[in-house]
Amino acid sequence: MLTLVNEARAAAGCAPVAADAALAAVARAHSADMRDRGYFSHTTSEGLSPFDRAEAAGITYARAENIAYGQPDATAVMDAWMSSSGHRANILDCTLTRLGVGVAEGAGGPWWTQLFGA
């Protein structure tokens, strides 16, 4: 996923994002939560936004989130995100410098989360 994101960013003239383990942990937890509790949203049933979830993990630099489910692999989900103006804007935002990716496998999934930071 990181390679695909950075290829798209390079084509748009953006610097690459770096893998970020802390953002990835939050992204993985969100993907698993969506799978386990049967919802699809940036906001949890408790009302926590991506930024609330990041802050709870001690992260102050989260800036954007993309989510998806059902695409079988990274190429398919990147194709879907790049075909969506909002998701594409996040991926190609040159001010973002870090990326954490979370994937949760399961029936109806996988569930994908990209959490970007700056």
C-alpha atoms as a PDB file:
ATOM      1  CA  MET A   1       0.000   0.000   0.000  1.00  0.00           C
ATOM      2  CA  LEU A   2       2.769   2.452   0.879  1.00  0.00           C
ATOM      3  CA  THR A   3       4.414   1.865  -2.500  1.00  0.00           C
ATOM      4  CA  LEU A   4       1.128   2.447  -4.346  1.00  0.00           C
ATOM      5  CA  VAL A   5       0.430   5.632  -2.406  1.00  0.00           C
ATOM      6  CA  ASN A   6       3.911   6.949  -3.057  1.00  0.00           C
ATOM      7  CA  GLU A   7       3.704   6.114  -6.771  1.00  0.00           C
ATOM      8  CA  ALA A   8       0.478   8.136  -7.019  1.00  0.00           C
ATOM      9  CA  ARG A   9       2.017  10.989  -5.048  1.00  0.00           C
ATOM     10  CA  ALA A  10       5.138  11.035  -7.220  1.00  0.00           C
ATOM     11  CA  ALA A  11       2.999  11.243 -10.366  1.00  0.00           C
ATOM     12  CA  ALA A  12       1.262  14.274  -8.826  1.00  0.00           C
ATOM     13  CA  GLY A  13       4.536  15.931  -7.822  1.00  0.00           C
ATOM     14  CA  CYS A  14       4.286  15.211  -4.087  1.00  0.00           C
ATOM     15  CA  ALA A  15       7.042  13.907  -1.853  1.00  0.00           C
ATOM     16  CA  PRO A  16       6.535  10.370  -0.541  1.00  0.00           C
ATOM     17  CA  VAL A  17       4.881   9.649   2.777  1.00  0.00           C
ATOM     18  CA  ALA A  18       6.815   7.623   5.340  1.00  0.00           C
ATOM     19  CA  ALA A  19       5.409   4.583   7.096  1.00  0.00           C
ATOM     20  CA  ASP A  20       4.351   5.460  10.642  1.00  0.00           C
ATOM     21  CA  ALA A  21       3.907   2.637  13.149  1.00  0.00           C
ATOM     22  CA  ALA A  22       1.802   4.676  15.574  1.00  0.00           C
ATOM     23  CA  LEU A  23      -0.640   5.743  12.853  1.00  0.00           C
ATOM     24  CA  ALA A  24      -0.727   2.137  11.600  1.00  0.00           C
ATOM     25  CA  ALA A  25      -1.705   0.865  15.063  1.00  0.00           C
ATOM     26  CA  VAL A  26      -4.659   3.273  15.169  1.00  0.00           C
ATOM     27  CA  ALA A  27      -5.617   2.374  11.583  1.00  0.00           C
ATOM     28  CA  ARG A  28      -5.463  -1.372  12.325  1.00  0.00           C
ATOM     29  CA  ALA A  29      -7.604  -0.917  15.423  1.00  0.00           C
ATOM     30  CA  HIS A  30     -10.224   1.020  13.444  1.00  0.00           C
ATOM     31  CA  SER A  31     -10.355  -1.569  10.663  1.00  0.00           C
ATOM     32  CA  ALA A  32     -10.797  -4.340  13.246  1.00  0.00           C
ATOM     33  CA  ASP A  33     -13.438  -2.334  15.128  1.00  0.00           C
ATOM     34  CA  MET A  34     -15.486  -1.759  11.966  1.00  0.00           C
ATOM     35  CA  ARG A  35     -15.276  -5.492  11.180  1.00  0.00           C
ATOM     36  CA  ASP A  36     -16.024  -6.657  14.720  1.00  0.00           C
ATOM     37  CA  ARG A  37     -18.919  -4.282  15.380  1.00  0.00           C
ATOM     38  CA  GLY A  38     -20.394  -4.327  11.869  1.00  0.00           C
ATOM     39  CA  TYR A  39     -20.251  -0.695  10.831  1.00  0.00           C
ATOM     40  CA  PHE A  40     -18.526   1.377   8.154  1.00  0.00           C
ATOM     41  CA  SER A  41     -17.775   4.943   9.190  1.00  0.00           C
ATOM     42  CA  HIS A  42     -14.984   7.308  10.104  1.00  0.00           C
ATOM     43  CA  THR A  43     -16.795   7.796  13.413  1.00  0.00           C
ATOM     44  CA  THR A  44     -17.219   4.999  15.967  1.00  0.00           C
ATOM     45  CA  SER A  45     -20.554   4.266  17.609  1.00  0.00           C
ATOM     46  CA  GLU A  46     -19.219   6.188  20.637  1.00  0.00           C
ATOM     47  CA  GLY A  47     -18.771   9.236  18.421  1.00  0.00           C
ATOM     48  CA  LEU A  48     -14.971   9.104  18.208  1.00  0.00           C
ATOM     49  CA  SER A  49     -13.517  10.645  15.058  1.00  0.00           C
ATOM     50  CA  PRO A  50     -10.206   9.575  13.501  1.00  0.00           C
ATOM     51  CA  PHE A  51      -8.574  12.465  15.326  1.00  0.00           C
ATOM     52  CA  ASP A  52     -10.143  11.495  18.662  1.00  0.00           C
ATOM     53  CA  ARG A  53      -8.898   7.919  18.205  1.00  0.00           C
ATOM     54  CA  ALA A  54      -5.413   9.148  17.297  1.00  0.00           C
ATOM     55  CA  GLU A  55      -5.296  11.541  20.246  1.00  0.00           C
ATOM     56  CA  ALA A  56      -6.329   8.737  22.606  1.00  0.00           C
ATOM     57  CA  ALA A  57      -3.242   6.881  21.350  1.00  0.00           C
ATOM     58  CA  GLY A  58      -1.051   9.917  22.036  1.00  0.00           C
ATOM     59  CA  ILE A  59      -0.852  11.045  18.394  1.00  0.00           C
ATOM     60  CA  THR A  60      -1.274  14.765  17.753  1.00  0.00           C
ATOM     61  CA  TYR A  61      -0.346  14.836  14.065  1.00  0.00           C
ATOM     62  CA  ALA A  62      -3.177  12.814  12.413  1.00  0.00           C
ATOM     63  CA  ARG A  63      -4.718  14.850   9.587  1.00  0.00           C
ATOM     64  CA  ALA A  64      -6.801  12.672   7.211  1.00  0.00           C
ATOM     65  CA  GLU A  65      -8.350   9.217   6.976  1.00  0.00           C
ATOM     66  CA  ASN A  66      -9.522   7.000   4.121  1.00  0.00           C
ATOM     67  CA  ILE A  67     -11.616   3.890   4.736  1.00  0.00           C
ATOM     68  CA  ALA A  68     -12.950   1.170   2.451  1.00  0.00           C
ATOM     69  CA  TYR A  69     -14.193  -2.393   2.622  1.00  0.00           C
ATOM     70  CA  GLY A  70     -14.607  -5.328   0.309  1.00  0.00           C
ATOM     71  CA  GLN A  71     -11.750  -4.662  -2.095  1.00  0.00           C
ATOM     72  CA  PRO A  72      -9.640  -7.844  -2.210  1.00  0.00           C
ATOM     73  CA  ASP A  73      -6.175  -6.290  -2.294  1.00  0.00           C
ATOM     74  CA  ALA A  74      -4.195  -3.061  -2.055  1.00  0.00           C
ATOM     75  CA  THR A  75      -4.329  -2.412  -5.793  1.00  0.00           C
ATOM     76  CA  ALA A  76      -8.119  -2.685  -5.876  1.00  0.00           C
ATOM     77  CA  VAL A  77      -8.645  -0.410  -2.891  1.00  0.00           C
ATOM     78  CA  MET A  78      -6.190   2.169  -4.242  1.00  0.00           C
ATOM     79  CA  ASP A  79      -8.045   2.131  -7.577  1.00  0.00           C
ATOM     80  CA  ALA A  80     -11.293   2.800  -5.696  1.00  0.00           C
ATOM     81  CA  TRP A  81      -9.795   5.587  -3.613  1.00  0.00           C
ATOM     82  CA  MET A  82      -8.137   7.246  -6.603  1.00  0.00           C
ATOM     83  CA  SER A  83     -11.541   7.226  -8.369  1.00  0.00           C
ATOM     84  CA  SER A  84     -13.108   9.152  -5.471  1.00  0.00           C
ATOM     85  CA  SER A  85     -12.352  12.874  -5.296  1.00  0.00           C
ATOM     86  CA  GLY A  86     -12.212  13.075  -1.497  1.00  0.00           C
ATOM     87  CA  HIS A  87     -10.049   9.996  -1.025  1.00  0.00           C
ATOM     88  CA  ARG A  88      -7.808  11.023  -3.895  1.00  0.00           C
ATOM     89  CA  ALA A  89      -7.383  14.472  -2.347  1.00  0.00           C
ATOM     90  CA  ASN A  90      -6.144  12.893   0.888  1.00  0.00           C
ATOM     91  CA  ILE A  91      -3.667  10.648  -0.933  1.00  0.00           C
ATOM     92  CA  LEU A  92      -2.374  13.529  -3.049  1.00  0.00           C
ATOM     93  CA  ASP A  93      -2.219  16.133  -0.274  1.00  0.00           C
ATOM     94  CA  CYS A  94       1.444  17.156  -0.457  1.00  0.00           C
ATOM     95  CA  THR A  95       1.338  18.533   3.109  1.00  0.00           C
ATOM     96  CA  LEU A  96       0.845  15.024   4.514  1.00  0.00           C
ATOM     97  CA  THR A  97       4.114  13.263   5.326  1.00  0.00           C
ATOM     98  CA  ARG A  98       3.236  10.072   7.232  1.00  0.00           C
ATOM     99  CA  LEU A  99       0.938   7.105   6.654  1.00  0.00           C
ATOM    100  CA  GLY A 100      -0.348   4.228   8.724  1.00  0.00           C
ATOM    101  CA  VAL A 101      -2.370   1.455   7.096  1.00  0.00           C
ATOM    102  CA  GLY A 102      -4.695  -1.001   8.781  1.00  0.00           C
ATOM    103  CA  VAL A 103      -6.356  -4.046   7.230  1.00  0.00           C
ATOM    104  CA  ALA A 104      -8.776  -6.410   8.962  1.00  0.00           C
ATOM    105  CA  GLU A 105      -9.761  -9.618   7.210  1.00  0.00           C
ATOM    106  CA  GLY A 106     -13.194 -11.153   7.640  1.00  0.00           C
ATOM    107  CA  ALA A 107     -16.447 -12.073   5.952  1.00  0.00           C
ATOM    108  CA  GLY A 108     -17.564  -9.124   3.822  1.00  0.00           C
ATOM    109  CA  GLY A 109     -14.134  -7.512   4.048  1.00  0.00           C
ATOM    110  CA  PRO A 110     -11.358  -6.809   4.186  1.00  0.00           C
ATOM    111  CA  TRP A 111     -11.736  -3.468   5.927  1.00  0.00           C
ATOM    112  CA  TRP A 112      -9.101  -0.898   4.996  1.00  0.00           C
ATOM    113  CA  THR A 113      -7.998   2.233   6.839  1.00  0.00           C
ATOM    114  CA  GLN A 114      -5.371   4.763   5.814  1.00  0.00           C
ATOM    115  CA  LEU A 115      -4.503   7.313   8.501  1.00  0.00           C
ATOM    116  CA  PHE A 116      -2.331  10.188   7.305  1.00  0.00           C
ATOM    117  CA  GLY A 117      -0.276  12.533   9.426  1.00  0.00           C
ATOM    118  CA  ALA A 118       1.787  15.677   9.017  1.00  0.00           C
END
